[in-house]
């Protein structure tokens, strides 16, 4: 019973991924984001997932700011390349 209280605040990798996805759309609660932060502090795989997910969201946002019928400007291409390089 004591262990249940200790592990109550911890989440699985699957739950961490779900919260990460919800966080992108501002749908995660403060408590969920807090638990995710604790989880990614000690889980390298989930930390990498969060970084890749964040980078992908940034890239999509940059791309969506451009008209889909046009090519990306050189400035936007440079920003996308920087995001990709940061998350290798």
Protein backbone atom coordinates (compact mmCIF):
# COMPACT_ATOMS: atom_id res chain seq x y z
CA UNK A 1 0.00 0.00 0.00
CA UNK A 2 2.86 2.39 0.78
CA UNK A 3 4.38 1.76 -2.65
CA UNK A 4 1.12 2.77 -4.30
CA UNK A 5 1.42 6.28 -2.88
CA UNK A 6 5.06 6.47 -3.95
CA UNK A 7 4.35 5.50 -7.56
CA UNK A 8 1.08 7.39 -7.87
CA UNK A 9 2.83 10.48 -9.27
CA UNK A 10 4.84 8.51 -11.84
CA UNK A 11 3.54 7.76 -15.31
CA UNK A 12 4.32 5.14 -17.94
CA UNK A 13 6.09 5.93 -21.19
CA UNK A 14 2.81 5.43 -23.04
CA UNK A 15 1.06 7.96 -20.81
CA UNK A 16 4.00 10.35 -21.21
CA UNK A 17 3.59 10.16 -24.99
CA UNK A 18 -0.13 10.85 -24.73
CA UNK A 19 0.45 13.84 -22.46
CA UNK A 20 3.16 15.14 -24.79
CA UNK A 21 0.71 15.01 -27.69
CA UNK A 22 -1.99 16.74 -25.62
CA UNK A 23 0.48 19.42 -24.53
CA UNK A 24 1.09 20.41 -28.13
CA UNK A 25 -2.53 21.44 -28.43
CA UNK A 26 -2.73 23.02 -24.95
CA UNK A 27 -5.05 20.21 -23.80
CA UNK A 28 -2.87 18.87 -20.95
CA UNK A 29 -3.55 20.00 -17.40
CA UNK A 30 -0.90 21.56 -15.21
CA UNK A 31 -0.61 18.30 -13.22
CA UNK A 32 -0.18 16.25 -16.41
CA UNK A 33 2.54 18.59 -17.68
CA UNK A 34 4.26 18.39 -14.28
CA UNK A 35 4.22 14.58 -14.32
CA UNK A 36 5.52 14.63 -17.90
CA UNK A 37 8.39 16.90 -16.85
CA UNK A 38 9.32 14.49 -14.06
CA UNK A 39 9.12 11.53 -16.42
CA UNK A 40 11.28 13.03 -19.17
CA UNK A 41 13.85 14.05 -16.58
CA UNK A 42 14.79 10.40 -16.04
CA UNK A 43 13.58 8.69 -19.25
CA UNK A 44 15.92 9.31 -22.19
CA UNK A 45 13.60 7.79 -24.79
CA UNK A 46 10.64 9.94 -23.80
CA UNK A 47 12.88 12.99 -23.56
CA UNK A 48 13.97 12.37 -27.16
CA UNK A 49 10.33 11.85 -28.21
CA UNK A 50 9.30 15.16 -26.64
CA UNK A 51 12.16 16.98 -28.40
CA UNK A 52 11.32 15.42 -31.80
CA UNK A 53 7.62 16.11 -31.32
CA UNK A 54 8.33 19.72 -30.41
CA UNK A 55 10.63 20.17 -33.41
CA UNK A 56 8.02 18.69 -35.74
CA UNK A 57 5.38 21.06 -34.36
CA UNK A 58 7.69 24.03 -34.88
CA UNK A 59 8.40 22.96 -38.45
CA UNK A 60 4.72 22.51 -39.24
CA UNK A 61 3.90 25.90 -37.76
CA UNK A 62 6.59 27.57 -39.88
CA UNK A 63 5.36 25.79 -42.98
CA UNK A 64 1.72 26.59 -42.33
CA UNK A 65 2.56 30.28 -42.09
CA UNK A 66 3.50 30.13 -45.76
CA UNK A 67 0.94 29.72 -48.50
CA UNK A 68 0.98 26.03 -49.43
CA UNK A 69 1.09 26.93 -53.12
CA UNK A 70 4.34 28.82 -52.74
CA UNK A 71 7.86 27.71 -51.98
CA UNK A 72 9.34 28.41 -48.57
CA UNK A 73 11.39 31.58 -48.32
CA UNK A 74 15.11 31.23 -47.73
CA UNK A 75 14.62 32.59 -44.19
CA UNK A 76 12.03 29.90 -43.39
CA UNK A 77 14.27 27.21 -44.90
CA UNK A 78 17.12 28.36 -42.68
CA UNK A 79 14.87 28.28 -39.61
CA UNK A 80 13.67 24.76 -40.46
CA UNK A 81 17.23 23.56 -40.96
CA UNK A 82 18.21 25.03 -37.58
CA UNK A 83 15.33 23.21 -35.86
CA UNK A 84 16.33 19.95 -37.52
CA UNK A 85 19.98 20.39 -36.55
CA UNK A 86 19.07 21.12 -32.91
CA UNK A 87 17.15 17.87 -32.63
CA UNK A 88 19.56 15.39 -34.21
